[in-house]
Amino acid sequence: MKKELGKWLMDISKYIVTGVLLTSILGDIKETRVIYIIGVTTVVATLSLGLFLTKDTKEKNKRRK
């Protein structure tokens, strides 16, 4: 269950990157810095949480023994 949520969060981060890039290219927006700051912040948060959830802890426990 955690792995599926992690994969979903990584997909969300990809969609956010795509949305920010397309908005900045195609849109006529005056506050591009705000969009970039919010986009980068949410991408880092969702990607790091997704990677944390997909991390396989069973393999690390086997290596320690």
N, C-alpha and C. Protein backbone atom coordinates (compact mmCIF):
# COMPACT_ATOMS: atom_id res chain seq x y z
N MET A 1 0.82 -1.19 0.00
CA MET A 1 0.00 0.00 0.00
C MET A 1 0.87 1.26 0.00
N LYS A 2 1.94 1.24 0.82
CA LYS A 2 2.82 2.41 0.87
C LYS A 2 3.54 2.63 -0.45
N LYS A 3 3.91 1.53 -1.12
CA LYS A 3 4.60 1.67 -2.40
C LYS A 3 3.70 2.30 -3.45
N GLU A 4 2.43 1.90 -3.46
CA GLU A 4 1.49 2.46 -4.43
C GLU A 4 1.27 3.95 -4.18
N LEU A 5 1.17 4.34 -2.92
CA LEU A 5 1.02 5.75 -2.59
C LEU A 5 2.28 6.52 -2.99
N GLY A 6 3.43 5.93 -2.79
CA GLY A 6 4.68 6.56 -3.18
C GLY A 6 4.77 6.75 -4.69
N LYS A 7 4.37 5.73 -5.45
CA LYS A 7 4.36 5.85 -6.91
C LYS A 7 3.39 6.94 -7.35
N TRP A 8 2.24 6.99 -6.70
CA TRP A 8 1.25 8.00 -7.03
C TRP A 8 1.78 9.41 -6.76
N LEU A 9 2.48 9.59 -5.65
CA LEU A 9 3.06 10.90 -5.34
C LEU A 9 4.15 11.29 -6.33
N MET A 10 4.93 10.32 -6.79
CA MET A 10 5.94 10.63 -7.80
C MET A 10 5.28 11.02 -9.12
N ASP A 11 4.17 10.38 -9.47
CA ASP A 11 3.44 10.77 -10.67
C ASP A 11 2.88 12.19 -10.53
N ILE A 12 2.38 12.52 -9.36
CA ILE A 12 1.85 13.86 -9.12
C ILE A 12 2.96 14.90 -9.30
N SER A 13 4.16 14.60 -8.83
CA SER A 13 5.26 15.56 -8.99
C SER A 13 5.60 15.75 -10.46
N LYS A 14 5.52 14.70 -11.27
CA LYS A 14 5.76 14.84 -12.70
C LYS A 14 4.69 15.71 -13.35
N TYR A 15 3.45 15.54 -12.93
CA TYR A 15 2.36 16.34 -13.49
C TYR A 15 2.50 17.81 -13.10
N ILE A 16 2.96 18.06 -11.91
CA ILE A 16 3.17 19.45 -11.47
C ILE A 16 4.26 20.11 -12.30
N VAL A 17 5.36 19.38 -12.54
CA VAL A 17 6.44 19.92 -13.38
C VAL A 17 5.92 20.24 -14.77
N THR A 18 5.15 19.32 -15.33
CA THR A 18 4.58 19.54 -16.66
C THR A 18 3.66 20.75 -16.66
N GLY A 19 2.82 20.86 -15.65
CA GLY A 19 1.90 21.99 -15.57
C GLY A 19 2.60 23.32 -15.43
N VAL A 20 3.64 23.35 -14.62
CA VAL A 20 4.38 24.61 -14.42
C VAL A 20 5.10 25.00 -15.71
N LEU A 21 5.71 24.04 -16.37
CA LEU A 21 6.41 24.35 -17.62
C LEU A 21 5.45 24.82 -18.71
N LEU A 22 4.34 24.12 -18.86
CA LEU A 22 3.38 24.52 -19.88
C LEU A 22 2.75 25.87 -19.57
N THR A 23 2.48 26.12 -18.30
CA THR A 23 1.91 27.40 -17.92
C THR A 23 2.88 28.54 -18.19
N SER A 24 4.14 28.31 -17.90
CA SER A 24 5.12 29.38 -18.11
C SER A 24 5.38 29.62 -19.59
N ILE A 25 5.29 28.57 -20.41
CA ILE A 25 5.54 28.73 -21.84
C ILE A 25 4.32 29.30 -22.55
N LEU A 26 3.17 28.72 -22.30
CA LEU A 26 1.97 29.09 -23.04
C LEU A 26 1.17 30.22 -22.43
N GLY A 27 1.26 30.37 -21.12
CA GLY A 27 0.45 31.37 -20.45
C GLY A 27 1.10 32.74 -20.45
N ASP A 28 0.26 33.73 -20.32
CA ASP A 28 0.74 35.11 -20.22
C ASP A 28 0.56 35.55 -18.77
N ILE A 29 1.45 35.05 -17.92
CA ILE A 29 1.33 35.28 -16.49
C ILE A 29 2.42 36.25 -16.05
N LYS A 30 2.03 37.20 -15.22
CA LYS A 30 2.98 38.22 -14.76
C LYS A 30 3.83 37.75 -13.59
N GLU A 31 3.28 36.92 -12.74
CA GLU A 31 3.97 36.47 -11.53
C GLU A 31 4.58 35.08 -11.74
N THR A 32 5.58 34.98 -12.61
CA THR A 32 6.18 33.69 -12.88
C THR A 32 7.04 33.19 -11.73
N ARG A 33 7.64 34.11 -10.98
CA ARG A 33 8.46 33.68 -9.83
C ARG A 33 7.63 32.94 -8.81
N VAL A 34 6.44 33.42 -8.55
CA VAL A 34 5.57 32.78 -7.56
C VAL A 34 5.20 31.38 -8.03
N ILE A 35 4.90 31.23 -9.31
CA ILE A 35 4.55 29.92 -9.84
C ILE A 35 5.74 28.97 -9.75
N TYR A 36 6.92 29.46 -10.07
CA TYR A 36 8.12 28.61 -9.99
C TYR A 36 8.42 28.21 -8.55
N ILE A 37 8.30 29.14 -7.63
CA ILE A 37 8.59 28.83 -6.21
C ILE A 37 7.61 27.81 -5.67
N ILE A 38 6.33 28.02 -5.92
CA ILE A 38 5.32 27.08 -5.44
C ILE A 38 5.48 25.73 -6.14
N GLY A 39 5.76 25.74 -7.44
CA GLY A 39 5.94 24.50 -8.18
C GLY A 39 7.12 23.69 -7.69
N VAL A 40 8.25 24.34 -7.52
CA VAL A 40 9.45 23.64 -7.05
C VAL A 40 9.25 23.10 -5.64
N THR A 41 8.61 23.88 -4.80
CA THR A 41 8.37 23.44 -3.42
C THR A 41 7.48 22.20 -3.37
N THR A 42 6.39 22.23 -4.13
CA THR A 42 5.49 21.07 -4.12
C THR A 42 6.11 19.86 -4.79
N VAL A 43 6.90 20.07 -5.83
CA VAL A 43 7.56 18.95 -6.49
C VAL A 43 8.57 18.29 -5.56
N VAL A 44 9.36 19.09 -4.88
CA VAL A 44 10.34 18.53 -3.94
C VAL A 44 9.64 17.77 -2.82
N ALA A 45 8.56 18.33 -2.31
CA ALA A 45 7.84 17.68 -1.21
C ALA A 45 7.21 16.36 -1.65
N THR A 46 6.49 16.37 -2.78
CA THR A 46 5.83 15.14 -3.22
C THR A 46 6.82 14.10 -3.70
N LEU A 47 7.88 14.52 -4.37
CA LEU A 47 8.87 13.56 -4.84
C LEU A 47 9.63 12.93 -3.68
N SER A 48 10.03 13.72 -2.70
CA SER A 48 10.77 13.16 -1.58
C SER A 48 9.89 12.23 -0.74
N LEU A 49 8.64 12.60 -0.55
CA LEU A 49 7.73 11.72 0.19
C LEU A 49 7.46 10.45 -0.60
N GLY A 50 7.31 10.57 -1.91
CA GLY A 50 7.10 9.39 -2.74
C GLY A 50 8.30 8.45 -2.72
N LEU A 51 9.49 9.01 -2.81
CA LEU A 51 10.69 8.18 -2.75
C LEU A 51 10.86 7.53 -1.38
N PHE A 52 10.51 8.25 -0.35
CA PHE A 52 10.60 7.69 1.01
C PHE A 52 9.64 6.52 1.17
N LEU A 53 8.44 6.63 0.62
CA LEU A 53 7.45 5.57 0.77
C LEU A 53 7.78 4.35 -0.09
N THR A 54 8.45 4.53 -1.21
CA THR A 54 8.78 3.38 -2.07
C THR A 54 10.08 2.71 -1.67
N LYS A 55 10.79 3.28 -0.72
CA LYS A 55 12.06 2.69 -0.27
C LYS A 55 11.78 1.31 0.34
N ASP A 56 12.57 0.33 -0.05
CA ASP A 56 12.38 -1.04 0.43
C ASP A 56 13.24 -1.25 1.67
N THR A 57 12.59 -1.33 2.82
CA THR A 57 13.34 -1.49 4.08
C THR A 57 13.71 -2.95 4.33
N LYS A 58 13.05 -3.89 3.69
CA LYS A 58 13.37 -5.30 3.90
C LYS A 58 14.77 -5.62 3.36
N GLU A 59 15.14 -5.03 2.24
CA GLU A 59 16.46 -5.27 1.67
C GLU A 59 17.55 -4.72 2.59
N LYS A 60 17.31 -3.59 3.20
CA LYS A 60 18.31 -3.01 4.10
C LYS A 60 18.48 -3.87 5.34
N ASN A 61 17.39 -4.44 5.85
CA ASN A 61 17.50 -5.31 7.02
C ASN A 61 18.26 -6.58 6.70
N LYS A 62 18.12 -7.11 5.49
CA LYS A 62 18.85 -8.32 5.11
C LYS A 62 20.35 -8.05 4.98
N ARG A 63 20.69 -6.87 4.51
CA ARG A 63 22.11 -6.51 4.35
C ARG A 63 22.80 -6.36 5.69
N ARG A 64 22.08 -5.90 6.68
CA ARG A 64 22.68 -5.68 8.00
C ARG A 64 23.01 -6.98 8.69
N LYS A 65 22.27 -8.03 8.44
CA LYS A 65 22.47 -9.31 9.13
C LYS A 65 23.60 -10.07 8.57
